Amino acid sequence: METKTTEISRIKQVARDYEKKGYNVIIEPKGKDIPEFIKNYQPDIIASNKSETVVIEVKSRADISAIERLKNVADVINEKSGWRFELIITSSKQETESKGRPLLEGLQINNLDKLLKEIKELSKLKHYNAAFVLTWSYLESLSRQLLLNDKKNLKNRNPLTLIKTLFSFGYISLPELRTLENLFEIRNQVVHGYQSSDLDKNTVEKLVDIVDKIAKENR
């Protein structure tokens, strides 16, 4: 009972927060309020403005099975341009000792220190393209390892979907998501052989800082 009450209270709070930011908010949307591509799923909130639509689900940390099932929904929504899925985890008093995200396994997180040294050397030599691509490649590997314990279809997910899903499940903050979305445009230019006027030492450092933070928090 306490868990459900906590979820309802959090839903109302999230709705108010989005309304303050200028979003049009629908709590417990039904029927035509739910888009066709997720018609069999009822989120807690849909919030939209001129630039994006956010599908929001509020779950208790105790409801692990439900959270796992939401991965499929998150994939579908995050692949849509202008859409993103946001999962908000609540904790009741009984859940305060519960652990959060699983620790990384398989990916050699300890190699990050060595990688960062290589990136710094490349930056000193002003090889910003190489430094950026090396860091982004690590970010994608890190994302897949974090998001996928069951090895489902993330191999074929595009990098932008991976980034949005990182945010959906709480691995990065909204400001970090916005930063990575901007850097994704630079990534596309670089990997396709074009020069980007926005790629410099500061750009590389922004990406490195986010990757370093994600890895350290999930060692």
Protein backbone atom coordinates (compact mmCIF):
# COMPACT_ATOMS: atom_id res chain seq x y z
CA MET A 1 0.00 0.00 0.00
CA GLU A 2 2.83 2.36 0.92
CA THR A 3 4.59 1.62 -2.38
CA LYS A 4 1.49 2.46 -4.44
CA THR A 5 0.93 5.67 -2.47
CA THR A 6 4.54 6.65 -3.09
CA GLU A 7 4.15 6.05 -6.83
CA ILE A 8 0.97 8.13 -7.07
CA SER A 9 2.58 10.99 -5.18
CA ARG A 10 5.64 10.86 -7.43
CA ILE A 11 3.50 10.82 -10.59
CA LYS A 12 1.76 14.02 -9.48
CA GLN A 13 5.07 15.63 -8.65
CA VAL A 14 6.62 14.71 -12.01
CA ALA A 15 3.55 16.03 -13.84
CA ARG A 16 3.82 19.36 -12.00
CA ASP A 17 7.52 19.59 -12.80
CA TYR A 18 6.92 19.09 -16.52
CA GLU A 19 4.05 21.57 -16.54
CA LYS A 20 6.33 24.18 -14.98
CA LYS A 21 8.74 23.59 -17.87
CA GLY A 22 5.96 24.37 -20.36
CA TYR A 23 5.00 20.84 -21.38
CA ASN A 24 1.44 19.77 -22.07
CA VAL A 25 0.92 16.94 -19.59
CA ILE A 26 -1.53 14.03 -19.62
CA ILE A 27 -1.66 11.79 -16.54
CA GLU A 28 -2.70 8.16 -17.16
CA PRO A 29 -3.40 8.73 -20.87
CA LYS A 30 -5.96 6.50 -22.57
CA GLY A 31 -7.37 5.90 -26.04
CA LYS A 32 -6.32 8.48 -28.61
CA ASP A 33 -3.90 10.06 -26.16
CA ILE A 34 -1.66 7.02 -26.60
CA PRO A 35 0.14 6.86 -29.99
CA GLU A 36 -0.51 3.90 -32.26
CA PHE A 37 3.02 2.51 -32.03
CA ILE A 38 2.59 1.88 -28.27
CA LYS A 39 -1.18 1.38 -28.21
CA ASN A 40 -0.96 -1.72 -25.99
CA TYR A 41 0.98 0.12 -23.31
CA GLN A 42 -0.40 2.66 -20.86
CA PRO A 43 2.23 4.98 -19.38
CA ASP A 44 1.75 7.05 -16.27
CA ILE A 45 2.36 10.35 -18.06
CA ILE A 46 2.81 11.71 -21.57
CA ALA A 47 4.36 15.18 -21.67
CA SER A 48 4.92 17.10 -24.89
CA ASN A 49 6.14 20.45 -26.15
CA LYS A 50 7.12 21.77 -29.57
CA SER A 51 10.40 19.87 -29.67
CA GLU A 52 9.73 16.50 -28.04
CA THR A 53 7.27 14.05 -26.50
CA VAL A 54 8.24 12.25 -23.31
CA VAL A 55 6.60 8.99 -22.24
CA ILE A 56 7.03 8.60 -18.49
CA GLU A 57 6.68 5.57 -16.25
CA VAL A 58 6.98 5.70 -12.45
CA LYS A 59 7.87 2.40 -10.78
CA SER A 60 8.89 1.21 -7.37
CA ARG A 61 12.42 -0.16 -7.11
CA ALA A 62 10.86 -3.33 -5.67
CA ASP A 63 9.02 -4.05 -8.91
CA ILE A 64 12.06 -5.40 -10.72
CA SER A 65 10.14 -7.65 -13.14
CA ALA A 66 8.03 -4.74 -14.38
CA ILE A 67 11.12 -2.60 -14.84
CA GLU A 68 12.77 -5.32 -16.92
CA ARG A 69 9.69 -5.56 -19.18
CA LEU A 70 9.86 -1.82 -19.82
CA LYS A 71 13.13 -2.23 -21.73
CA ASN A 72 11.19 -3.27 -24.82
CA VAL A 73 8.87 -0.27 -24.55
CA ALA A 74 11.85 2.03 -24.04
CA ASP A 75 13.50 0.69 -27.20
CA VAL A 76 10.41 1.32 -29.32
CA ILE A 77 9.89 4.86 -28.02
CA ASN A 78 13.54 5.92 -28.09
CA GLU A 79 13.88 4.88 -31.72
CA LYS A 80 11.23 7.46 -32.69
CA SER A 81 12.58 10.85 -33.66
CA GLY A 82 11.40 13.50 -31.21
CA TRP A 83 10.37 10.92 -28.61
CA ARG A 84 12.04 9.61 -25.48
CA PHE A 85 11.14 7.28 -22.66
CA GLU A 86 11.80 8.23 -19.05
CA LEU A 87 11.68 5.73 -16.20
CA ILE A 88 11.49 7.22 -12.73
CA ILE A 89 12.28 4.93 -9.82
CA THR A 90 10.71 5.56 -6.42
CA SER A 91 11.77 4.12 -3.08
CA SER A 92 9.49 3.46 -0.13
CA LYS A 93 10.84 3.17 3.40
CA GLN A 94 11.07 -0.60 3.07
CA GLU A 95 13.19 -0.23 -0.06
CA THR A 96 15.82 2.16 1.18
CA GLU A 97 18.41 -0.60 1.46
CA SER A 98 17.75 -1.86 -2.06
CA LYS A 99 20.57 -1.55 -4.52
CA GLY A 100 20.26 0.36 -7.75
CA ARG A 101 21.78 -0.52 -11.11
CA PRO A 102 23.69 -3.73 -11.61
CA LEU A 103 27.49 -3.53 -11.69
CA LEU A 104 29.16 -3.87 -15.05
CA GLU A 105 30.47 -7.25 -16.02
CA GLY A 106 32.53 -8.24 -19.01
CA LEU A 107 33.64 -4.80 -20.16
CA GLN A 108 37.13 -3.95 -18.95
CA ILE A 109 36.29 -0.81 -16.97
CA ASN A 110 39.78 -0.74 -15.50
CA ASN A 111 41.12 -0.15 -18.99
CA LEU A 112 39.45 3.27 -18.91
CA ASP A 113 42.47 4.85 -17.21
CA LYS A 114 44.72 3.62 -20.00
CA LEU A 115 42.22 4.83 -22.59
CA LEU A 116 42.02 8.27 -21.01
CA LYS A 117 45.81 8.60 -21.19
CA GLU A 118 45.70 7.77 -24.90
CA ILE A 119 42.94 10.31 -25.46
CA LYS A 120 44.86 13.03 -23.60
CA GLU A 121 47.93 12.34 -25.71
CA LEU A 122 45.88 12.57 -28.89
CA SER A 123 44.38 15.86 -27.70
CA LYS A 124 47.82 17.29 -26.93
CA LEU A 125 48.79 16.53 -30.51
CA LYS A 126 45.51 18.15 -31.64
CA HIS A 127 44.27 14.87 -33.10
CA TYR A 128 40.77 15.70 -31.93
CA ASN A 129 38.98 13.52 -34.47
CA ALA A 130 40.81 10.41 -33.31
CA ALA A 131 40.36 11.27 -29.63
CA PHE A 132 36.66 11.88 -30.10
CA VAL A 133 36.01 8.67 -32.07
CA LEU A 134 37.98 6.59 -29.54
CA THR A 135 35.93 8.00 -26.66
CA TRP A 136 32.62 7.60 -28.48
CA SER A 137 33.44 3.98 -29.32
CA TYR A 138 34.00 3.29 -25.63
CA LEU A 139 30.71 5.03 -24.80
CA GLU A 140 28.80 2.71 -27.15
CA SER A 141 30.43 -0.39 -25.67
CA LEU A 142 29.72 0.87 -22.19
CA SER A 143 26.09 1.58 -23.07
CA ARG A 144 25.44 -1.88 -24.49
CA GLN A 145 27.00 -3.57 -21.49
CA LEU A 146 24.98 -1.50 -19.05
CA LEU A 147 21.67 -1.86 -20.84
CA LEU A 148 21.82 -5.45 -21.77
CA ASN A 149 22.07 -8.33 -19.37
CA ASP A 150 19.87 -10.56 -21.55
CA LYS A 151 21.75 -9.81 -24.80
CA LYS A 152 18.59 -8.89 -26.71
CA ASN A 153 18.64 -6.75 -29.82
CA LEU A 154 20.90 -3.89 -28.74
CA LYS A 155 23.53 -4.96 -31.25
CA ASN A 156 21.40 -3.38 -33.94
CA ARG A 157 20.36 -0.28 -32.01
CA ASN A 158 21.68 2.98 -33.39
CA PRO A 159 23.92 5.06 -31.08
CA LEU A 160 21.31 7.75 -30.48
CA THR A 161 18.80 5.15 -29.27
CA LEU A 162 21.43 3.76 -26.90
CA ILE A 163 22.04 7.22 -25.45
CA LYS A 164 18.34 7.91 -24.96
CA THR A 165 17.95 4.52 -23.29
CA LEU A 166 20.84 5.31 -20.94
CA PHE A 167 18.82 8.28 -19.77
CA SER A 168 15.58 6.28 -19.62
CA PHE A 169 17.07 3.93 -17.06
CA GLY A 170 18.89 6.56 -15.03
CA TYR A 171 22.50 6.13 -16.09
CA ILE A 172 22.82 9.74 -17.25
CA SER A 173 21.09 12.98 -16.31
CA LEU A 174 18.91 15.08 -18.61
CA PRO A 175 21.69 17.70 -19.11
CA GLU A 176 24.08 14.88 -20.02
CA LEU A 177 21.53 13.50 -22.47
CA ARG A 178 21.27 16.92 -24.13
CA THR A 179 25.05 17.19 -24.31
CA LEU A 180 25.37 13.75 -25.89
CA GLU A 181 22.60 14.50 -28.39
CA ASN A 182 24.57 17.55 -29.52
CA LEU A 183 27.80 15.57 -29.65
CA PHE A 184 26.05 12.88 -31.67
CA GLU A 185 25.81 15.28 -34.60
CA ILE A 186 29.57 15.77 -34.43
CA ARG A 187 30.03 12.02 -34.17
CA ASN A 188 28.09 11.48 -37.39
CA GLN A 189 30.19 14.03 -39.26
CA VAL A 190 33.48 12.57 -38.07
CA VAL A 191 32.72 8.87 -38.67
CA HIS A 192 31.56 9.68 -42.19
CA GLY A 193 34.82 11.40 -43.01
CA TYR A 194 33.80 15.03 -42.65
CA GLN A 195 35.50 17.74 -40.62
CA SER A 196 33.48 19.40 -37.87
CA SER A 197 34.18 23.02 -36.99
CA ASP A 198 32.75 22.31 -33.53
CA LEU A 199 35.26 19.59 -32.69
CA ASP A 200 38.04 20.85 -30.44
CA LYS A 201 39.74 20.03 -27.14
CA ASN A 202 36.75 21.25 -25.13
CA THR A 203 34.38 19.01 -27.12
CA VAL A 204 36.52 15.95 -26.47
CA GLU A 205 36.72 16.78 -22.77
CA LYS A 206 32.92 17.07 -22.49
CA LEU A 207 32.53 13.56 -23.90
CA VAL A 208 35.34 12.13 -21.77
CA ASP A 209 33.85 13.59 -18.58
CA ILE A 210 30.48 11.90 -19.20
CA VAL A 211 32.02 8.54 -20.11
CA ASP A 212 34.33 8.66 -17.09
CA LYS A 213 31.40 9.44 -14.77
CA ILE A 214 29.23 6.60 -16.13
CA ALA A 215 32.06 4.06 -15.82
CA LYS A 216 33.11 5.07 -12.32
CA GLU A 217 29.54 4.96 -11.00
CA ASN A 218 29.08 1.41 -12.30
CA ARG A 219 32.37 -0.26 -11.45
